[in-house]
Amino acid sequence: MAKFSAPIFLLAAFIALTSAAVYFEKDIEAYHFHTYIFDENPRQISEALNFRIATRQRINEGFLPQCSLGPIYMGWDGPHPYTQYELCCNKTSFPAATAWNMQNHGNLSILVHPLTVEDLADHEERATWIGQPVPLDTECPCLYPILPKPRPCPVYPEYPDEMPTKRINWVRPAGTEDYRNVSGLNLLDGNY
């Protein structure tokens, strides 16, 4: 039996190394923290905007390096069924951003998911929640099974820290538009 253990060990080591190589090909570059706002609730609007302002202050003070706040998307946006905004953080800032969100989210629901080439899986099986989960629209055509490369974490401009009065089709930062036009499905115009 001893003469079979070395080949089995080598086979197990090869499988482990092969699995590790696949993992590194799908390396996580960044994370999204989506803070949901039930915009018919004035108390929650106030809480979400105060949390957003405090988060921006943490970014500006250097406590959340390589993080950026996106605009507030009013109503349904892609898989997100409610008004929300995202905090995008590079993987090096993930621990600090997670700690900040966990300690300060109050009564808000925050979806946390990685950014890999597998957009749909990132929002389904790889996602986690801080606060109460909110059902997502994972049948949205805006979630791609496979992207050509991991999405970048853009540096957003200083979007307003106030609720929009109507749905706004924000201009996406340069370099991210190709992820909104995969297989000829143009998602930039909001008609999806």
C-alpha atoms as a PDB file:
ATOM      1  CA  MET A   1       0.000   0.000   0.000  1.00  0.00           C
ATOM      2  CA  ALA A   2       2.929   2.344   0.662  1.00  0.00           C
ATOM      3  CA  LYS A   3       3.950   2.310  -3.019  1.00  0.00           C
ATOM      4  CA  PHE A   4       0.549   3.800  -4.015  1.00  0.00           C
ATOM      5  CA  SER A   5       0.617   6.669  -1.512  1.00  0.00           C
ATOM      6  CA  ALA A   6       3.275   8.722  -3.351  1.00  0.00           C
ATOM      7  CA  PRO A   7       1.382   8.797  -6.677  1.00  0.00           C
ATOM      8  CA  ILE A   8      -1.878   9.611  -4.867  1.00  0.00           C
ATOM      9  CA  PHE A   9      -0.123  12.405  -2.977  1.00  0.00           C
ATOM     10  CA  LEU A  10       1.313  13.785  -6.229  1.00  0.00           C
ATOM     11  CA  LEU A  11      -2.103  13.614  -7.895  1.00  0.00           C
ATOM     12  CA  ALA A  12      -3.710  15.426  -4.945  1.00  0.00           C
ATOM     13  CA  ALA A  13      -0.965  18.092  -5.035  1.00  0.00           C
ATOM     14  CA  PHE A  14      -1.465  18.559  -8.793  1.00  0.00           C
ATOM     15  CA  ILE A  15      -5.241  18.954  -8.361  1.00  0.00           C
ATOM     16  CA  ALA A  16      -4.683  21.459  -5.546  1.00  0.00           C
ATOM     17  CA  LEU A  17      -2.240  23.498  -7.654  1.00  0.00           C
ATOM     18  CA  THR A  18      -4.574  23.410 -10.652  1.00  0.00           C
ATOM     19  CA  SER A  19      -7.473  24.603  -8.492  1.00  0.00           C
ATOM     20  CA  ALA A  20      -5.306  27.420  -7.112  1.00  0.00           C
ATOM     21  CA  ALA A  21      -4.427  28.512 -10.656  1.00  0.00           C
ATOM     22  CA  VAL A  22      -8.122  28.709 -11.594  1.00  0.00           C
ATOM     23  CA  TYR A  23      -8.789  30.801  -8.490  1.00  0.00           C
ATOM     24  CA  PHE A  24      -6.068  33.315  -9.371  1.00  0.00           C
ATOM     25  CA  GLU A  25      -7.474  33.677 -12.901  1.00  0.00           C
ATOM     26  CA  LYS A  26     -10.728  34.846 -11.304  1.00  0.00           C
ATOM     27  CA  ASP A  27      -9.008  37.047  -8.732  1.00  0.00           C
ATOM     28  CA  ILE A  28     -11.189  39.615  -7.024  1.00  0.00           C
ATOM     29  CA  GLU A  29     -10.059  43.135  -7.896  1.00  0.00           C
ATOM     30  CA  ALA A  30     -12.649  45.145  -5.984  1.00  0.00           C
ATOM     31  CA  TYR A  31     -15.910  45.043  -4.036  1.00  0.00           C
ATOM     32  CA  HIS A  32     -19.226  46.866  -4.146  1.00  0.00           C
ATOM     33  CA  PHE A  33     -21.134  47.869  -1.020  1.00  0.00           C
ATOM     34  CA  HIS A  34     -24.696  48.761  -2.131  1.00  0.00           C
ATOM     35  CA  THR A  35     -26.622  50.745   0.492  1.00  0.00           C
ATOM     36  CA  TYR A  36     -30.380  50.486  -0.074  1.00  0.00           C
ATOM     37  CA  ILE A  37     -32.820  53.301   0.609  1.00  0.00           C
ATOM     38  CA  PHE A  38     -36.554  52.763   0.937  1.00  0.00           C
ATOM     39  CA  ASP A  39     -37.328  56.176  -0.469  1.00  0.00           C
ATOM     40  CA  GLU A  40     -40.900  56.367   0.847  1.00  0.00           C
ATOM     41  CA  ASN A  41     -39.538  56.385   4.411  1.00  0.00           C
ATOM     42  CA  PRO A  42     -38.260  59.840   5.511  1.00  0.00           C
ATOM     43  CA  ARG A  43     -36.412  58.404   8.526  1.00  0.00           C
ATOM     44  CA  GLN A  44     -34.515  55.943   6.342  1.00  0.00           C
ATOM     45  CA  ILE A  45     -33.733  58.598   3.726  1.00  0.00           C
ATOM     46  CA  SER A  46     -32.188  60.733   6.462  1.00  0.00           C
ATOM     47  CA  GLU A  47     -30.247  57.784   7.891  1.00  0.00           C
ATOM     48  CA  ALA A  48     -28.945  56.747   4.447  1.00  0.00           C
ATOM     49  CA  LEU A  49     -27.867  60.267   3.492  1.00  0.00           C
ATOM     50  CA  ASN A  50     -26.142  60.823   6.861  1.00  0.00           C
ATOM     51  CA  PHE A  51     -24.356  57.489   6.434  1.00  0.00           C
ATOM     52  CA  ARG A  52     -23.315  58.475   2.897  1.00  0.00           C
ATOM     53  CA  ILE A  53     -21.942  61.833   4.092  1.00  0.00           C
ATOM     54  CA  ALA A  54     -20.038  60.121   6.924  1.00  0.00           C
ATOM     55  CA  THR A  55     -18.655  57.561   4.436  1.00  0.00           C
ATOM     56  CA  ARG A  56     -17.499  60.340   2.092  1.00  0.00           C
ATOM     57  CA  GLN A  57     -15.800  62.033   5.054  1.00  0.00           C
ATOM     58  CA  ARG A  58     -13.973  58.760   5.876  1.00  0.00           C
ATOM     59  CA  ILE A  59     -12.820  58.539   2.236  1.00  0.00           C
ATOM     60  CA  ASN A  60     -11.628  62.164   2.232  1.00  0.00           C
ATOM     61  CA  GLU A  61      -9.763  61.668   5.528  1.00  0.00           C
ATOM     62  CA  GLY A  62      -7.912  58.647   4.100  1.00  0.00           C
ATOM     63  CA  PHE A  63      -9.543  55.987   6.288  1.00  0.00           C
ATOM     64  CA  LEU A  64     -11.110  54.303   3.255  1.00  0.00           C
ATOM     65  CA  PRO A  65      -8.298  54.545   0.691  1.00  0.00           C
ATOM     66  CA  GLN A  66      -9.023  53.473  -2.864  1.00  0.00           C
ATOM     67  CA  CYS A  67     -12.784  53.733  -2.263  1.00  0.00           C
ATOM     68  CA  SER A  68     -15.253  55.859  -4.194  1.00  0.00           C
ATOM     69  CA  LEU A  69     -18.969  56.673  -3.836  1.00  0.00           C
ATOM     70  CA  GLY A  70     -21.214  56.343  -6.873  1.00  0.00           C
ATOM     71  CA  PRO A  71     -24.375  58.351  -7.492  1.00  0.00           C
ATOM     72  CA  ILE A  72     -27.707  57.651  -5.833  1.00  0.00           C
ATOM     73  CA  TYR A  73     -29.750  55.597  -8.285  1.00  0.00           C
ATOM     74  CA  MET A  74     -33.435  56.323  -7.846  1.00  0.00           C
ATOM     75  CA  GLY A  75     -35.715  53.276  -8.059  1.00  0.00           C
ATOM     76  CA  TRP A  76     -34.895  50.042  -9.842  1.00  0.00           C
ATOM     77  CA  ASP A  77     -31.383  49.879 -11.300  1.00  0.00           C
ATOM     78  CA  GLY A  78     -30.255  46.569 -12.715  1.00  0.00           C
ATOM     79  CA  PRO A  79     -30.564  43.826 -10.139  1.00  0.00           C
ATOM     80  CA  HIS A  80     -31.204  46.403  -7.407  1.00  0.00           C
ATOM     81  CA  PRO A  81     -34.963  46.748  -6.841  1.00  0.00           C
ATOM     82  CA  TYR A  82     -34.757  49.842  -4.628  1.00  0.00           C
ATOM     83  CA  THR A  83     -33.037  53.192  -4.584  1.00  0.00           C
ATOM     84  CA  GLN A  84     -29.372  52.626  -3.736  1.00  0.00           C
ATOM     85  CA  TYR A  85     -25.851  53.893  -4.002  1.00  0.00           C
ATOM     86  CA  GLU A  86     -22.604  51.979  -4.153  1.00  0.00           C
ATOM     87  CA  LEU A  87     -19.327  52.321  -2.404  1.00  0.00           C
ATOM     88  CA  CYS A  88     -16.684  50.716  -4.613  1.00  0.00           C
ATOM     89  CA  CYS A  89     -13.428  49.696  -2.922  1.00  0.00           C
ATOM     90  CA  ASN A  90     -10.319  48.029  -4.288  1.00  0.00           C
ATOM     91  CA  LYS A  91      -9.485  44.741  -2.599  1.00  0.00           C
ATOM     92  CA  THR A  92      -6.796  46.350  -0.429  1.00  0.00           C
ATOM     93  CA  SER A  93      -9.476  48.510   1.221  1.00  0.00           C
ATOM     94  CA  PHE A  94     -11.990  45.686   1.728  1.00  0.00           C
ATOM     95  CA  PRO A  95     -11.208  45.072   5.438  1.00  0.00           C
ATOM     96  CA  ALA A  96     -11.504  48.764   6.358  1.00  0.00           C
ATOM     97  CA  ALA A  97     -14.677  49.232   4.273  1.00  0.00           C
ATOM     98  CA  THR A  98     -16.288  46.113   5.728  1.00  0.00           C
ATOM     99  CA  ALA A  99     -15.502  47.205   9.287  1.00  0.00           C
ATOM    100  CA  TRP A 100     -16.835  50.717   8.606  1.00  0.00           C
ATOM    101  CA  ASN A 101     -20.082  49.431   7.088  1.00  0.00           C
ATOM    102  CA  MET A 102     -20.621  46.792   9.795  1.00  0.00           C
ATOM    103  CA  GLN A 103     -20.105  49.255  12.637  1.00  0.00           C
ATOM    104  CA  ASN A 104     -22.073  52.169  11.180  1.00  0.00           C
ATOM    105  CA  HIS A 105     -24.903  50.879   8.956  1.00  0.00           C
ATOM    106  CA  GLY A 106     -27.586  51.386  11.608  1.00  0.00           C
ATOM    107  CA  ASN A 107     -30.890  50.108  10.203  1.00  0.00           C
ATOM    108  CA  LEU A 108     -29.717  50.136   6.581  1.00  0.00           C
ATOM    109  CA  SER A 109     -29.371  47.061   4.349  1.00  0.00           C
ATOM    110  CA  ILE A 110     -26.058  46.764   2.505  1.00  0.00           C
ATOM    111  CA  LEU A 111     -25.273  44.219  -0.206  1.00  0.00           C
ATOM    112  CA  VAL A 112     -21.570  43.319  -0.404  1.00  0.00           C
ATOM    113  CA  HIS A 113     -20.250  41.491  -3.460  1.00  0.00           C
ATOM    114  CA  PRO A 114     -16.925  41.024  -5.240  1.00  0.00           C
ATOM    115  CA  LEU A 115     -16.147  42.180  -8.767  1.00  0.00           C
ATOM    116  CA  THR A 116     -14.904  39.251 -10.834  1.00  0.00           C
ATOM    117  CA  VAL A 117     -15.534  38.121 -14.399  1.00  0.00           C
ATOM    118  CA  GLU A 118     -18.629  36.231 -13.177  1.00  0.00           C
ATOM    119  CA  ASP A 119     -21.080  39.099 -12.631  1.00  0.00           C
ATOM    120  CA  LEU A 120     -24.164  36.934 -12.038  1.00  0.00           C
ATOM    121  CA  ALA A 121     -22.370  34.688  -9.521  1.00  0.00           C
ATOM    122  CA  ASP A 122     -20.988  37.787  -7.765  1.00  0.00           C
ATOM    123  CA  HIS A 123     -24.558  38.960  -7.087  1.00  0.00           C
ATOM    124  CA  GLU A 124     -25.971  35.515  -6.241  1.00  0.00           C
ATOM    125  CA  GLU A 125     -23.758  33.007  -4.484  1.00  0.00           C
ATOM    126  CA  ARG A 126     -20.789  35.277  -3.654  1.00  0.00           C
ATOM    127  CA  ALA A 127     -22.834  38.115  -2.172  1.00  0.00           C
ATOM    128  CA  THR A 128     -23.363  38.714   1.525  1.00  0.00           C
ATOM    129  CA  TRP A 129     -25.368  41.202   3.546  1.00  0.00           C
ATOM    130  CA  ILE A 130     -24.772  43.703   6.287  1.00  0.00           C
ATOM    131  CA  GLY A 131     -28.184  44.265   7.839  1.00  0.00           C
ATOM    132  CA  GLN A 132     -31.386  42.728   6.499  1.00  0.00           C
ATOM    133  CA  PRO A 133     -31.205  41.107   3.043  1.00  0.00           C
ATOM    134  CA  VAL A 134     -33.238  42.587   0.190  1.00  0.00           C
ATOM    135  CA  PRO A 135     -34.375  40.378  -2.720  1.00  0.00           C
ATOM    136  CA  LEU A 136     -32.461  41.115  -5.920  1.00  0.00           C
ATOM    137  CA  ASP A 137     -33.648  40.820  -9.516  1.00  0.00           C
ATOM    138  CA  THR A 138     -31.054  38.236 -10.572  1.00  0.00           C
ATOM    139  CA  GLU A 139     -32.954  37.591 -13.822  1.00  0.00           C
ATOM    140  CA  CYS A 140     -32.054  41.090 -14.990  1.00  0.00           C
ATOM    141  CA  PRO A 141     -30.256  40.953 -18.374  1.00  0.00           C
ATOM    142  CA  CYS A 142     -27.749  43.420 -16.924  1.00  0.00           C
ATOM    143  CA  LEU A 143     -26.020  40.592 -14.997  1.00  0.00           C
ATOM    144  CA  TYR A 144     -23.619  38.800 -17.278  1.00  0.00           C
ATOM    145  CA  PRO A 145     -22.613  35.180 -16.726  1.00  0.00           C
ATOM    146  CA  ILE A 146     -19.082  35.995 -17.941  1.00  0.00           C
ATOM    147  CA  LEU A 147     -17.403  39.355 -18.535  1.00  0.00           C
ATOM    148  CA  PRO A 148     -14.294  39.783 -20.691  1.00  0.00           C
ATOM    149  CA  LYS A 149     -12.287  40.880 -17.638  1.00  0.00           C
ATOM    150  CA  PRO A 150     -13.030  41.884 -14.032  1.00  0.00           C
ATOM    151  CA  ARG A 151     -14.780  45.230 -13.784  1.00  0.00           C
ATOM    152  CA  PRO A 152     -12.627  48.061 -12.516  1.00  0.00           C
ATOM    153  CA  CYS A 153     -13.418  50.057  -9.417  1.00  0.00           C
ATOM    154  CA  PRO A 154     -13.874  53.530 -10.909  1.00  0.00           C
ATOM    155  CA  VAL A 155     -12.954  56.747  -9.186  1.00  0.00           C
ATOM    156  CA  TYR A 156     -16.313  58.472  -9.234  1.00  0.00           C
ATOM    157  CA  PRO A 157     -16.610  62.241  -9.384  1.00  0.00           C
ATOM    158  CA  GLU A 158     -18.158  64.019  -6.387  1.00  0.00           C
ATOM    159  CA  TYR A 159     -21.790  63.067  -6.939  1.00  0.00           C
ATOM    160  CA  PRO A 160     -24.342  64.931  -4.779  1.00  0.00           C
ATOM    161  CA  ASP A 161     -25.124  63.588  -1.325  1.00  0.00           C
ATOM    162  CA  GLU A 162     -28.837  64.261  -1.654  1.00  0.00           C
ATOM    163  CA  MET A 163     -31.793  62.322  -2.965  1.00  0.00           C
ATOM    164  CA  PRO A 164     -32.522  62.935  -6.639  1.00  0.00           C
ATOM    165  CA  THR A 165     -36.043  64.154  -7.315  1.00  0.00           C
ATOM    166  CA  LYS A 166     -36.361  61.848 -10.339  1.00  0.00           C
ATOM    167  CA  ARG A 167     -34.555  58.961 -11.977  1.00  0.00           C
ATOM    168  CA  ILE A 168     -31.330  60.200 -13.534  1.00  0.00           C
ATOM    169  CA  ASN A 169     -29.348  58.311 -16.176  1.00  0.00           C
ATOM    170  CA  TRP A 170     -25.891  59.065 -14.803  1.00  0.00           C
ATOM    171  CA  VAL A 171     -22.936  59.143 -17.156  1.00  0.00           C
ATOM    172  CA  ARG A 172     -20.722  56.212 -16.269  1.00  0.00           C
ATOM    173  CA  PRO A 173     -17.022  56.951 -15.728  1.00  0.00           C
ATOM    174  CA  ALA A 174     -14.784  56.335 -18.735  1.00  0.00           C
ATOM    175  CA  GLY A 175     -13.519  52.780 -18.948  1.00  0.00           C
ATOM    176  CA  THR A 176     -16.677  51.144 -17.566  1.00  0.00           C
ATOM    177  CA  GLU A 177     -18.991  51.530 -20.555  1.00  0.00           C
ATOM    178  CA  ASP A 178     -17.854  48.297 -22.212  1.00  0.00           C
ATOM    179  CA  TYR A 179     -19.475  46.368 -19.373  1.00  0.00           C
ATOM    180  CA  ARG A 180     -22.806  47.992 -20.185  1.00  0.00           C
ATOM    181  CA  ASN A 181     -22.693  46.954 -23.835  1.00  0.00           C
ATOM    182  CA  VAL A 182     -21.939  43.240 -23.844  1.00  0.00           C
ATOM    183  CA  SER A 183     -23.430  41.165 -26.677  1.00  0.00           C
ATOM    184  CA  GLY A 184     -25.024  44.256 -28.198  1.00  0.00           C
ATOM    185  CA  LEU A 185     -27.274  44.887 -25.160  1.00  0.00           C
ATOM    186  CA  ASN A 186     -26.854  48.599 -24.498  1.00  0.00           C
ATOM    187  CA  LEU A 187     -27.537  49.242 -20.828  1.00  0.00           C
ATOM    188  CA  LEU A 188     -26.154  52.766 -20.767  1.00  0.00           C
ATOM    189  CA  ASP A 189     -29.365  54.386 -21.947  1.00  0.00           C
ATOM    190  CA  GLY A 190     -31.470  52.994 -19.090  1.00  0.00           C
ATOM    191  CA  ASN A 191     -33.759  51.063 -21.445  1.00  0.00           C
ATOM    192  CA  TYR A 192     -33.222  47.608 -20.033  1.00  0.00           C
END
